[in-house]
Amino acid sequence: MTDEPIVAEPEGQGPLWPPRATAAMDELLEMVWPETGLQTGSRVSLRPKDALGEDDTIELDIDFVTLTLSPLEFIQLASFLRMSVDGLLERHPGLQRAVVNAFDIRE
């Protein structure tokens, strides 16, 4: 008898345990924000140029949390965040300095 958990396998799919190996990932960006110490990073499935598909993944790391999203989900999340930032800056324009500081870090 083994100590491994017994996991039911959906018809037509391989074993769920142990976890399947994931595709190689390519780092898009990694940053630590100096004002807050927030650690952020993003990686995408390693593919030739313009060959990313909906079965591929994009990993978004925010401190100790990792979100694994499809390319479309990642774009939708980024759009939502952009609209949220725009709304926040409309209500509190004094935060615009944080946007300027973000671009200073990239250079």
PDB file of N, CA and C in Angstrom:
ATOM      1  N   MET A   1       0.836  -1.171   0.000  1.00  0.00           N
ATOM      2  CA  MET A   1       0.000   0.000   0.000  1.00  0.00           C
ATOM      3  C   MET A   1       0.886   1.240   0.000  1.00  0.00           C
ATOM      4  N   THR A   2       0.490   2.274  -0.801  1.00  0.00           N
ATOM      5  CA  THR A   2       1.288   3.499  -0.893  1.00  0.00           C
ATOM      6  C   THR A   2       0.625   4.615  -0.113  1.00  0.00           C
ATOM      7  N   ASP A   3       1.398   5.654   0.144  1.00  0.00           N
ATOM      8  CA  ASP A   3       0.883   6.827   0.847  1.00  0.00           C
ATOM      9  C   ASP A   3       0.309   7.860  -0.116  1.00  0.00           C
ATOM     10  N   GLU A   4       0.407   7.616  -1.431  1.00  0.00           N
ATOM     11  CA  GLU A   4      -0.093   8.581  -2.405  1.00  0.00           C
ATOM     12  C   GLU A   4      -1.616   8.593  -2.387  1.00  0.00           C
ATOM     13  N   PRO A   5      -2.207   9.791  -2.509  1.00  0.00           N
ATOM     14  CA  PRO A   5      -3.665   9.862  -2.509  1.00  0.00           C
ATOM     15  C   PRO A   5      -4.250   9.217  -3.756  1.00  0.00           C
ATOM     16  N   ILE A   6      -5.440   8.704  -3.630  1.00  0.00           N
ATOM     17  CA  ILE A   6      -6.136   8.129  -4.770  1.00  0.00           C
ATOM     18  C   ILE A   6      -6.997   9.232  -5.372  1.00  0.00           C
ATOM     19  N   VAL A   7      -6.762   9.506  -6.650  1.00  0.00           N
ATOM     20  CA  VAL A   7      -7.480  10.575  -7.333  1.00  0.00           C
ATOM     21  C   VAL A   7      -8.182   9.972  -8.539  1.00  0.00           C
ATOM     22  N   ALA A   8      -9.473  10.213  -8.647  1.00  0.00           N
ATOM     23  CA  ALA A   8     -10.212   9.707  -9.805  1.00  0.00           C
ATOM     24  C   ALA A   8      -9.772  10.453 -11.055  1.00  0.00           C
ATOM     25  N   GLU A   9      -9.615   9.719 -12.143  1.00  0.00           N
ATOM     26  CA  GLU A   9      -9.202  10.319 -13.403  1.00  0.00           C
ATOM     27  C   GLU A   9     -10.407  10.491 -14.308  1.00  0.00           C
ATOM     28  N   PRO A  10     -10.619  11.714 -14.825  1.00  0.00           N
ATOM     29  CA  PRO A  10     -11.697  11.898 -15.792  1.00  0.00           C
ATOM     30  C   PRO A  10     -11.427  11.056 -17.039  1.00  0.00           C
ATOM     31  N   GLU A  11     -12.475  10.564 -17.635  1.00  0.00           N
ATOM     32  CA  GLU A  11     -12.352   9.727 -18.825  1.00  0.00           C
ATOM     33  C   GLU A  11     -11.563  10.446 -19.912  1.00  0.00           C
ATOM     34  N   GLY A  12     -10.593   9.763 -20.483  1.00  0.00           N
ATOM     35  CA  GLY A  12      -9.823  10.313 -21.595  1.00  0.00           C
ATOM     36  C   GLY A  12      -8.677  11.212 -21.184  1.00  0.00           C
ATOM     37  N   GLN A  13      -8.420  11.361 -19.883  1.00  0.00           N
ATOM     38  CA  GLN A  13      -7.318  12.198 -19.437  1.00  0.00           C
ATOM     39  C   GLN A  13      -6.313  11.349 -18.686  1.00  0.00           C
ATOM     40  N   GLY A  14      -5.073  11.835 -18.661  1.00  0.00           N
ATOM     41  CA  GLY A  14      -4.015  11.125 -17.965  1.00  0.00           C
ATOM     42  C   GLY A  14      -4.157  11.263 -16.467  1.00  0.00           C
ATOM     43  N   PRO A  15      -3.231  10.701 -15.708  1.00  0.00           N
ATOM     44  CA  PRO A  15      -3.327  10.749 -14.247  1.00  0.00           C
ATOM     45  C   PRO A  15      -3.237  12.174 -13.722  1.00  0.00           C
ATOM     46  N   LEU A  16      -4.001  12.431 -12.658  1.00  0.00           N
ATOM     47  CA  LEU A  16      -3.962  13.743 -12.026  1.00  0.00           C
ATOM     48  C   LEU A  16      -2.902  13.795 -10.930  1.00  0.00           C
ATOM     49  N   TRP A  17      -2.443  12.642 -10.491  1.00  0.00           N
ATOM     50  CA  TRP A  17      -1.385  12.584  -9.491  1.00  0.00           C
ATOM     51  C   TRP A  17      -0.358  11.577  -9.915  1.00  0.00           C
ATOM     52  N   PRO A  18       0.920  11.868  -9.945  1.00  0.00           N
ATOM     53  CA  PRO A  18       1.494  13.152  -9.595  1.00  0.00           C
ATOM     54  C   PRO A  18       1.171  14.213 -10.640  1.00  0.00           C
ATOM     55  N   PRO A  19       1.301  15.504 -10.292  1.00  0.00           N
ATOM     56  CA  PRO A  19       0.969  16.563 -11.232  1.00  0.00           C
ATOM     57  C   PRO A  19       1.789  16.442 -12.511  1.00  0.00           C
ATOM     58  N   ARG A  20       1.186  16.840 -13.605  1.00  0.00           N
ATOM     59  CA  ARG A  20       1.881  16.808 -14.895  1.00  0.00           C
ATOM     60  C   ARG A  20       2.951  17.882 -14.935  1.00  0.00           C
ATOM     61  N   ALA A  21       4.006  17.617 -15.702  1.00  0.00           N
ATOM     62  CA  ALA A  21       5.042  18.624 -15.897  1.00  0.00           C
ATOM     63  C   ALA A  21       4.469  19.752 -16.749  1.00  0.00           C
ATOM     64  N   THR A  22       4.829  20.978 -16.421  1.00  0.00           N
ATOM     65  CA  THR A  22       4.336  22.111 -17.180  1.00  0.00           C
ATOM     66  C   THR A  22       5.337  22.470 -18.271  1.00  0.00           C
ATOM     67  N   ALA A  23       4.841  23.189 -19.271  1.00  0.00           N
ATOM     68  CA  ALA A  23       5.698  23.622 -20.368  1.00  0.00           C
ATOM     69  C   ALA A  23       6.751  24.594 -19.836  1.00  0.00           C
ATOM     70  N   ALA A  24       7.851  24.701 -20.568  1.00  0.00           N
ATOM     71  CA  ALA A  24       8.890  25.655 -20.197  1.00  0.00           C
ATOM     72  C   ALA A  24       8.309  27.067 -20.235  1.00  0.00           C
ATOM     73  N   MET A  25       8.758  27.888 -19.314  1.00  0.00           N
ATOM     74  CA  MET A  25       8.231  29.245 -19.210  1.00  0.00           C
ATOM     75  C   MET A  25       9.317  30.259 -19.558  1.00  0.00           C
ATOM     76  N   ASP A  26       8.893  31.372 -20.142  1.00  0.00           N
ATOM     77  CA  ASP A  26       9.778  32.467 -20.531  1.00  0.00           C
ATOM     78  C   ASP A  26       9.411  33.680 -19.681  1.00  0.00           C
ATOM     79  N   GLU A  27      10.387  34.265 -18.991  1.00  0.00           N
ATOM     80  CA  GLU A  27      10.105  35.407 -18.117  1.00  0.00           C
ATOM     81  C   GLU A  27       9.826  36.648 -18.952  1.00  0.00           C
ATOM     82  N   LEU A  28       8.688  37.283 -18.697  1.00  0.00           N
ATOM     83  CA  LEU A  28       8.341  38.538 -19.367  1.00  0.00           C
ATOM     84  C   LEU A  28       8.905  39.728 -18.603  1.00  0.00           C
ATOM     85  N   LEU A  29       8.661  39.738 -17.293  1.00  0.00           N
ATOM     86  CA  LEU A  29       9.061  40.885 -16.492  1.00  0.00           C
ATOM     87  C   LEU A  29       9.094  40.471 -15.026  1.00  0.00           C
ATOM     88  N   GLU A  30      10.063  41.009 -14.300  1.00  0.00           N
ATOM     89  CA  GLU A  30      10.123  40.806 -12.855  1.00  0.00           C
ATOM     90  C   GLU A  30      10.551  42.129 -12.235  1.00  0.00           C
ATOM     91  N   MET A  31       9.779  42.578 -11.240  1.00  0.00           N
ATOM     92  CA  MET A  31      10.070  43.862 -10.609  1.00  0.00           C
ATOM     93  C   MET A  31       9.804  43.786  -9.110  1.00  0.00           C
ATOM     94  N   VAL A  32      10.611  44.519  -8.355  1.00  0.00           N
ATOM     95  CA  VAL A  32      10.341  44.769  -6.947  1.00  0.00           C
ATOM     96  C   VAL A  32      10.159  46.283  -6.842  1.00  0.00           C
ATOM     97  N   TRP A  33       8.976  46.682  -6.386  1.00  0.00           N
ATOM     98  CA  TRP A  33       8.655  48.106  -6.306  1.00  0.00           C
ATOM     99  C   TRP A  33       9.336  48.705  -5.083  1.00  0.00           C
ATOM    100  N   PRO A  34      10.235  49.699  -5.284  1.00  0.00           N
ATOM    101  CA  PRO A  34      11.019  50.222  -4.157  1.00  0.00           C
ATOM    102  C   PRO A  34      10.176  50.921  -3.085  1.00  0.00           C
ATOM    103  N   GLU A  35       9.064  51.552  -3.471  1.00  0.00           N
ATOM    104  CA  GLU A  35       8.260  52.280  -2.477  1.00  0.00           C
ATOM    105  C   GLU A  35       7.592  51.342  -1.476  1.00  0.00           C
ATOM    106  N   THR A  36       7.201  50.163  -1.940  1.00  0.00           N
ATOM    107  CA  THR A  36       6.423  49.258  -1.087  1.00  0.00           C
ATOM    108  C   THR A  36       7.082  47.907  -0.849  1.00  0.00           C
ATOM    109  N   GLY A  37       8.065  47.549  -1.668  1.00  0.00           N
ATOM    110  CA  GLY A  37       8.673  46.228  -1.576  1.00  0.00           C
ATOM    111  C   GLY A  37       7.841  45.149  -2.262  1.00  0.00           C
ATOM    112  N   LEU A  38       6.768  45.553  -2.963  1.00  0.00           N
ATOM    113  CA  LEU A  38       5.917  44.597  -3.663  1.00  0.00           C
ATOM    114  C   LEU A  38       6.722  43.882  -4.749  1.00  0.00           C
ATOM    115  N   GLN A  39       6.728  42.549  -4.679  1.00  0.00           N
ATOM    116  CA  GLN A  39       7.441  41.742  -5.671  1.00  0.00           C
ATOM    117  C   GLN A  39       6.445  41.253  -6.708  1.00  0.00           C
ATOM    118  N   THR A  40       6.733  41.541  -7.969  1.00  0.00           N
ATOM    119  CA  THR A  40       5.834  41.156  -9.056  1.00  0.00           C
ATOM    120  C   THR A  40       6.641  40.500 -10.165  1.00  0.00           C
ATOM    121  N   GLY A  41       5.986  39.601 -10.874  1.00  0.00           N
ATOM    122  CA  GLY A  41       6.643  38.949 -11.997  1.00  0.00           C
ATOM    123  C   GLY A  41       5.621  38.320 -12.914  1.00  0.00           C
ATOM    124  N   SER A  42       6.031  38.099 -14.156  1.00  0.00           N
ATOM    125  CA  SER A  42       5.153  37.420 -15.109  1.00  0.00           C
ATOM    126  C   SER A  42       5.993  36.545 -16.025  1.00  0.00           C
ATOM    127  N   ARG A  43       5.435  35.364 -16.307  1.00  0.00           N
ATOM    128  CA  ARG A  43       6.069  34.392 -17.196  1.00  0.00           C
ATOM    129  C   ARG A  43       5.012  33.857 -18.149  1.00  0.00           C
ATOM    130  N   VAL A  44       5.457  33.454 -19.319  1.00  0.00           N
ATOM    131  CA  VAL A  44       4.547  32.935 -20.337  1.00  0.00           C
ATOM    132  C   VAL A  44       5.122  31.636 -20.890  1.00  0.00           C
ATOM    133  N   SER A  45       4.237  30.757 -21.352  1.00  0.00           N
ATOM    134  CA  SER A  45       4.702  29.516 -21.985  1.00  0.00           C
ATOM    135  C   SER A  45       5.691  29.864 -23.092  1.00  0.00           C
ATOM    136  N   LEU A  46       6.781  29.131 -23.143  1.00  0.00           N
ATOM    137  CA  LEU A  46       7.825  29.378 -24.142  1.00  0.00           C
ATOM    138  C   LEU A  46       7.358  28.855 -25.491  1.00  0.00           C
ATOM    139  N   ARG A  47       7.141  29.753 -26.417  1.00  0.00           N
ATOM    140  CA  ARG A  47       6.672  29.416 -27.765  1.00  0.00           C
ATOM    141  C   ARG A  47       7.378  30.305 -28.779  1.00  0.00           C
ATOM    142  N   PRO A  48       7.436  29.882 -30.051  1.00  0.00           N
ATOM    143  CA  PRO A  48       7.950  30.777 -31.096  1.00  0.00           C
ATOM    144  C   PRO A  48       7.070  32.023 -31.204  1.00  0.00           C
ATOM    145  N   LYS A  49       7.608  33.073 -31.797  1.00  0.00           N
ATOM    146  CA  LYS A  49       6.879  34.332 -31.927  1.00  0.00           C
ATOM    147  C   LYS A  49       5.512  34.117 -32.569  1.00  0.00           C
ATOM    148  N   ASP A  50       4.497  34.692 -31.954  1.00  0.00           N
ATOM    149  CA  ASP A  50       3.110  34.680 -32.429  1.00  0.00           C
ATOM    150  C   ASP A  50       2.497  33.277 -32.483  1.00  0.00           C
ATOM    151  N   ALA A  51       2.982  32.366 -31.634  1.00  0.00           N
ATOM    152  CA  ALA A  51       2.446  31.005 -31.617  1.00  0.00           C
ATOM    153  C   ALA A  51       1.775  30.665 -30.281  1.00  0.00           C
ATOM    154  N   LEU A  52       1.494  31.665 -29.459  1.00  0.00           N
ATOM    155  CA  LEU A  52       0.842  31.434 -28.177  1.00  0.00           C
ATOM    156  C   LEU A  52      -0.626  31.138 -28.415  1.00  0.00           C
ATOM    157  N   GLY A  53      -1.134  30.102 -27.778  1.00  0.00           N
ATOM    158  CA  GLY A  53      -2.532  29.716 -27.945  1.00  0.00           C
ATOM    159  C   GLY A  53      -3.268  29.710 -26.624  1.00  0.00           C
ATOM    160  N   GLU A  54      -4.562  29.459 -26.669  1.00  0.00           N
ATOM    161  CA  GLU A  54      -5.391  29.471 -25.465  1.00  0.00           C
ATOM    162  C   GLU A  54      -5.091  28.306 -24.523  1.00  0.00           C
ATOM    163  N   ASP A  55      -4.383  27.294 -24.982  1.00  0.00           N
ATOM    164  CA  ASP A  55      -3.984  26.192 -24.096  1.00  0.00           C
ATOM    165  C   ASP A  55      -2.702  26.519 -23.334  1.00  0.00           C
ATOM    166  N   ASP A  56      -2.039  27.617 -23.714  1.00  0.00           N
ATOM    167  CA  ASP A  56      -0.831  28.041 -23.022  1.00  0.00           C
ATOM    168  C   ASP A  56      -1.217  28.827 -21.776  1.00  0.00           C
ATOM    169  N   THR A  57      -0.226  29.111 -20.940  1.00  0.00           N
ATOM    170  CA  THR A  57      -0.515  29.825 -19.700  1.00  0.00           C
ATOM    171  C   THR A  57       0.406  31.018 -19.514  1.00  0.00           C
ATOM    172  N   ILE A  58      -0.099  31.958 -18.757  1.00  0.00           N
ATOM    173  CA  ILE A  58       0.680  33.097 -18.302  1.00  0.00           C
ATOM    174  C   ILE A  58       0.596  33.076 -16.785  1.00  0.00           C
ATOM    175  N   GLU A  59       1.748  33.114 -16.138  1.00  0.00           N
ATOM    176  CA  GLU A  59       1.792  33.133 -14.675  1.00  0.00           C
ATOM    177  C   GLU A  59       2.073  34.549 -14.216  1.00  0.00           C
ATOM    178  N   LEU A  60       1.257  35.016 -13.306  1.00  0.00           N
ATOM    179  CA  LEU A  60       1.406  36.340 -12.725  1.00  0.00           C
ATOM    180  C   LEU A  60       1.679  36.167 -11.242  1.00  0.00           C
ATOM    181  N   ASP A  61       2.866  36.600 -10.793  1.00  0.00           N
ATOM    182  CA  ASP A  61       3.245  36.504  -9.382  1.00  0.00           C
ATOM    183  C   ASP A  61       3.104  37.859  -8.724  1.00  0.00           C
ATOM    184  N   ILE A  62       2.404  37.880  -7.605  1.00  0.00           N
ATOM    185  CA  ILE A  62       2.279  39.084  -6.794  1.00  0.00           C
ATOM    186  C   ILE A  62       2.630  38.660  -5.373  1.00  0.00           C
ATOM    187  N   ASP A  63       3.808  39.069  -4.928  1.00  0.00           N
ATOM    188  CA  ASP A  63       4.366  38.612  -3.656  1.00  0.00           C
ATOM    189  C   ASP A  63       4.315  37.091  -3.591  1.00  0.00           C
ATOM    190  N   PHE A  64       3.506  36.522  -2.724  1.00  0.00           N
ATOM    191  CA  PHE A  64       3.498  35.073  -2.541  1.00  0.00           C
ATOM    192  C   PHE A  64       2.319  34.394  -3.235  1.00  0.00           C
ATOM    193  N   VAL A  65       1.592  35.121  -4.083  1.00  0.00           N
ATOM    194  CA  VAL A  65       0.441  34.567  -4.805  1.00  0.00           C
ATOM    195  C   VAL A  65       0.795  34.421  -6.278  1.00  0.00           C
ATOM    196  N   THR A  66       0.456  33.278  -6.869  1.00  0.00           N
ATOM    197  CA  THR A  66       0.660  33.078  -8.300  1.00  0.00           C
ATOM    198  C   THR A  66      -0.679  32.798  -8.956  1.00  0.00           C
ATOM    199  N   LEU A  67      -1.018  33.593  -9.963  1.00  0.00           N
ATOM    200  CA  LEU A  67      -2.209  33.350 -10.778  1.00  0.00           C
ATOM    201  C   LEU A  67      -1.754  32.710 -12.073  1.00  0.00           C
ATOM    202  N   THR A  68      -2.412  31.644 -12.482  1.00  0.00           N
ATOM    203  CA  THR A  68      -2.126  30.998 -13.752  1.00  0.00           C
ATOM    204  C   THR A  68      -3.340  31.195 -14.634  1.00  0.00           C
ATOM    205  N   LEU A  69      -3.149  31.921 -15.724  1.00  0.00           N
ATOM    206  CA  LEU A  69      -4.247  32.338 -16.589  1.00  0.00           C
ATOM    207  C   LEU A  69      -3.967  31.975 -18.033  1.00  0.00           C
ATOM    208  N   SER A  70      -5.026  31.861 -18.819  1.00  0.00           N
ATOM    209  CA  SER A  70      -4.859  31.740 -20.269  1.00  0.00           C
ATOM    210  C   SER A  70      -4.471  33.125 -20.791  1.00  0.00           C
ATOM    211  N   PRO A  71      -3.920  33.214 -21.994  1.00  0.00           N
ATOM    212  CA  PRO A  71      -3.587  34.536 -22.539  1.00  0.00           C
ATOM    213  C   PRO A  71      -4.792  35.489 -22.559  1.00  0.00           C
ATOM    214  N   LEU A  72      -5.961  34.999 -22.934  1.00  0.00           N
ATOM    215  CA  LEU A  72      -7.150  35.852 -22.964  1.00  0.00           C
ATOM    216  C   LEU A  72      -7.537  36.321 -21.557  1.00  0.00           C
ATOM    217  N   GLU A  73      -7.486  35.428 -20.591  1.00  0.00           N
ATOM    218  CA  GLU A  73      -7.799  35.808 -19.210  1.00  0.00           C
ATOM    219  C   GLU A  73      -6.810  36.850 -18.689  1.00  0.00           C
ATOM    220  N   PHE A  74      -5.527  36.690 -19.041  1.00  0.00           N
ATOM    221  CA  PHE A  74      -4.499  37.642 -18.623  1.00  0.00           C
ATOM    222  C   PHE A  74      -4.791  39.023 -19.201  1.00  0.00           C
ATOM    223  N   ILE A  75      -5.143  39.077 -20.475  1.00  0.00           N
ATOM    224  CA  ILE A  75      -5.456  40.355 -21.126  1.00  0.00           C
ATOM    225  C   ILE A  75      -6.709  40.974 -20.507  1.00  0.00           C
ATOM    226  N   GLN A  76      -7.708  40.150 -20.212  1.00  0.00           N
ATOM    227  CA  GLN A  76      -8.920  40.667 -19.580  1.00  0.00           C
ATOM    228  C   GLN A  76      -8.613  41.226 -18.185  1.00  0.00           C
ATOM    229  N   LEU A  77      -7.785  40.529 -17.416  1.00  0.00           N
ATOM    230  CA  LEU A  77      -7.411  41.014 -16.096  1.00  0.00           C
ATOM    231  C   LEU A  77      -6.634  42.329 -16.204  1.00  0.00           C
ATOM    232  N   ALA A  78      -5.692  42.387 -17.144  1.00  0.00           N
ATOM    233  CA  ALA A  78      -4.912  43.611 -17.328  1.00  0.00           C
ATOM    234  C   ALA A  78      -5.822  44.775 -17.726  1.00  0.00           C
ATOM    235  N   SER A  79      -6.794  44.518 -18.577  1.00  0.00           N
ATOM    236  CA  SER A  79      -7.739  45.571 -18.983  1.00  0.00           C
ATOM    237  C   SER A  79      -8.558  46.039 -17.794  1.00  0.00           C
ATOM    238  N   PHE A  80      -9.021  45.093 -16.980  1.00  0.00           N
ATOM    239  CA  PHE A  80      -9.770  45.445 -15.781  1.00  0.00           C
ATOM    240  C   PHE A  80      -8.928  46.312 -14.848  1.00  0.00           C
ATOM    241  N   LEU A  81      -7.674  45.908 -14.628  1.00  0.00           N
ATOM    242  CA  LEU A  81      -6.800  46.682 -13.746  1.00  0.00           C
ATOM    243  C   LEU A  81      -6.554  48.077 -14.302  1.00  0.00           C
ATOM    244  N   ARG A  82      -6.357  48.166 -15.616  1.00  0.00           N
ATOM    245  CA  ARG A  82      -6.144  49.487 -16.244  1.00  0.00           C
ATOM    246  C   ARG A  82      -7.360  50.380 -16.046  1.00  0.00           C
ATOM    247  N   MET A  83      -8.562  49.838 -16.250  1.00  0.00           N
ATOM    248  CA  MET A  83      -9.779  50.627 -16.056  1.00  0.00           C
ATOM    249  C   MET A  83      -9.941  51.016 -14.585  1.00  0.00           C
ATOM    250  N   SER A  84      -9.548  50.119 -13.684  1.00  0.00           N
ATOM    251  CA  SER A  84      -9.628  50.425 -12.251  1.00  0.00           C
ATOM    252  C   SER A  84      -8.657  51.539 -11.881  1.00  0.00           C
ATOM    253  N   VAL A  85      -7.444  51.491 -12.431  1.00  0.00           N
ATOM    254  CA  VAL A  85      -6.460  52.547 -12.179  1.00  0.00           C
ATOM    255  C   VAL A  85      -6.976  53.877 -12.721  1.00  0.00           C
ATOM    256  N   ASP A  86      -7.528  53.865 -13.932  1.00  0.00           N
ATOM    257  CA  ASP A  86      -8.078  55.100 -14.502  1.00  0.00           C
ATOM    258  C   ASP A  86      -9.167  55.677 -13.598  1.00  0.00           C
ATOM    259  N   GLY A  87     -10.054  54.821 -13.090  1.00  0.00           N
ATOM    260  CA  GLY A  87     -11.108  55.275 -12.185  1.00  0.00           C
ATOM    261  C   GLY A  87     -10.549  55.823 -10.883  1.00  0.00           C
ATOM    262  N   LEU A  88      -9.529  55.157 -10.345  1.00  0.00           N
ATOM    263  CA  LEU A  88      -8.906  55.614  -9.109  1.00  0.00           C
ATOM    264  C   LEU A  88      -8.250  56.979  -9.307  1.00  0.00           C
ATOM    265  N   LEU A  89      -7.547  57.161 -10.445  1.00  0.00           N
ATOM    266  CA  LEU A  89      -6.870  58.429 -10.699  1.00  0.00           C
ATOM    267  C   LEU A  89      -7.854  59.568 -10.967  1.00  0.00           C
ATOM    268  N   GLU A  90      -9.028  59.255 -11.512  1.00  0.00           N
ATOM    269  CA  GLU A  90     -10.053  60.284 -11.680  1.00  0.00           C
ATOM    270  C   GLU A  90     -10.511  60.795 -10.319  1.00  0.00           C
ATOM    271  N   ARG A  91     -10.661  59.893  -9.363  1.00  0.00           N
ATOM    272  CA  ARG A  91     -11.139  60.266  -8.030  1.00  0.00           C
ATOM    273  C   ARG A  91     -10.034  60.841  -7.151  1.00  0.00           C
ATOM    274  N   HIS A  92      -8.799  60.394  -7.394  1.00  0.00           N
ATOM    275  CA  HIS A  92      -7.672  60.803  -6.543  1.00  0.00           C
ATOM    276  C   HIS A  92      -6.462  61.113  -7.434  1.00  0.00           C
ATOM    277  N   PRO A  93      -6.503  62.269  -8.137  1.00  0.00           N
ATOM    278  CA  PRO A  93      -5.438  62.586  -9.098  1.00  0.00           C
ATOM    279  C   PRO A  93      -4.062  62.748  -8.466  1.00  0.00           C
ATOM    280  N   GLY A  94      -3.999  62.946  -7.158  1.00  0.00           N
ATOM    281  CA  GLY A  94      -2.707  63.064  -6.495  1.00  0.00           C
ATOM    282  C   GLY A  94      -1.878  61.790  -6.573  1.00  0.00           C
ATOM    283  N   LEU A  95      -2.513  60.663  -6.862  1.00  0.00           N
ATOM    284  CA  LEU A  95      -1.784  59.400  -6.989  1.00  0.00           C
ATOM    285  C   LEU A  95      -1.057  59.268  -8.332  1.00  0.00           C
ATOM    286  N   GLN A  96      -1.197  60.247  -9.198  1.00  0.00           N
ATOM    287  CA  GLN A  96      -0.549  60.208 -10.516  1.00  0.00           C
ATOM    288  C   GLN A  96       0.959  60.024 -10.380  1.00  0.00           C
ATOM    289  N   ARG A  97       1.534  60.507  -9.308  1.00  0.00           N
ATOM    290  CA  ARG A  97       2.986  60.376  -9.095  1.00  0.00           C
ATOM    291  C   ARG A  97       3.404  58.905  -9.070  1.00  0.00           C
ATOM    292  N   ALA A  98       2.559  58.031  -8.572  1.00  0.00           N
ATOM    293  CA  ALA A  98       2.876  56.593  -8.550  1.00  0.00           C
ATOM    294  C   ALA A  98       3.007  56.052  -9.963  1.00  0.00           C
ATOM    295  N   VAL A  99       2.227  56.580 -10.890  1.00  0.00           N
ATOM    296  CA  VAL A  99       2.312  56.150 -12.291  1.00  0.00           C
ATOM    297  C   VAL A  99       3.642  56.586 -12.891  1.00  0.00           C
ATOM    298  N   VAL A 100       4.020  57.831 -12.629  1.00  0.00           N
ATOM    299  CA  VAL A 100       5.295  58.348 -13.132  1.00  0.00           C
ATOM    300  C   VAL A 100       6.458  57.542 -12.564  1.00  0.00           C
ATOM    301  N   ASN A 101       6.398  57.233 -11.268  1.00  0.00           N
ATOM    302  CA  ASN A 101       7.455  56.428 -10.638  1.00  0.00           C
ATOM    303  C   ASN A 101       7.547  55.039 -11.262  1.00  0.00           C
ATOM    304  N   ALA A 102       6.433  54.467 -11.647  1.00  0.00           N
ATOM    305  CA  ALA A 102       6.442  53.138 -12.263  1.00  0.00           C
ATOM    306  C   ALA A 102       7.219  53.152 -13.569  1.00  0.00           C
ATOM    307  N   PHE A 103       7.074  54.200 -14.357  1.00  0.00           N
ATOM    308  CA  PHE A 103       7.803  54.268 -15.620  1.00  0.00           C
ATOM    309  C   PHE A 103       9.287  54.538 -15.387  1.00  0.00           C
ATOM    310  N   ASP A 104       9.635  55.234 -14.313  1.00  0.00           N
ATOM    311  CA  ASP A 104      11.042  55.466 -13.987  1.00  0.00           C
ATOM    312  C   ASP A 104      11.753  54.170 -13.669  1.00  0.00           C
ATOM    313  N   ILE A 105      11.055  53.204 -13.065  1.00  0.00           N
ATOM    314  CA  ILE A 105      11.676  51.922 -12.704  1.00  0.00           C
ATOM    315  C   ILE A 105      12.038  51.119 -13.942  1.00  0.00           C
ATOM    316  N   ARG A 106      11.205  51.166 -14.971  1.00  0.00           N
ATOM    317  CA  ARG A 106      11.420  50.364 -16.190  1.00  0.00           C
ATOM    318  C   ARG A 106      12.651  50.801 -16.978  1.00  0.00           C
ATOM    319  N   GLU A 107      13.096  52.027 -16.844  1.00  0.00           N
ATOM    320  CA  GLU A 107      14.201  52.531 -17.675  1.00  0.00           C
ATOM    321  C   GLU A 107      15.539  52.202 -17.153  1.00  0.00           C
TER     322      GLU A 107
END
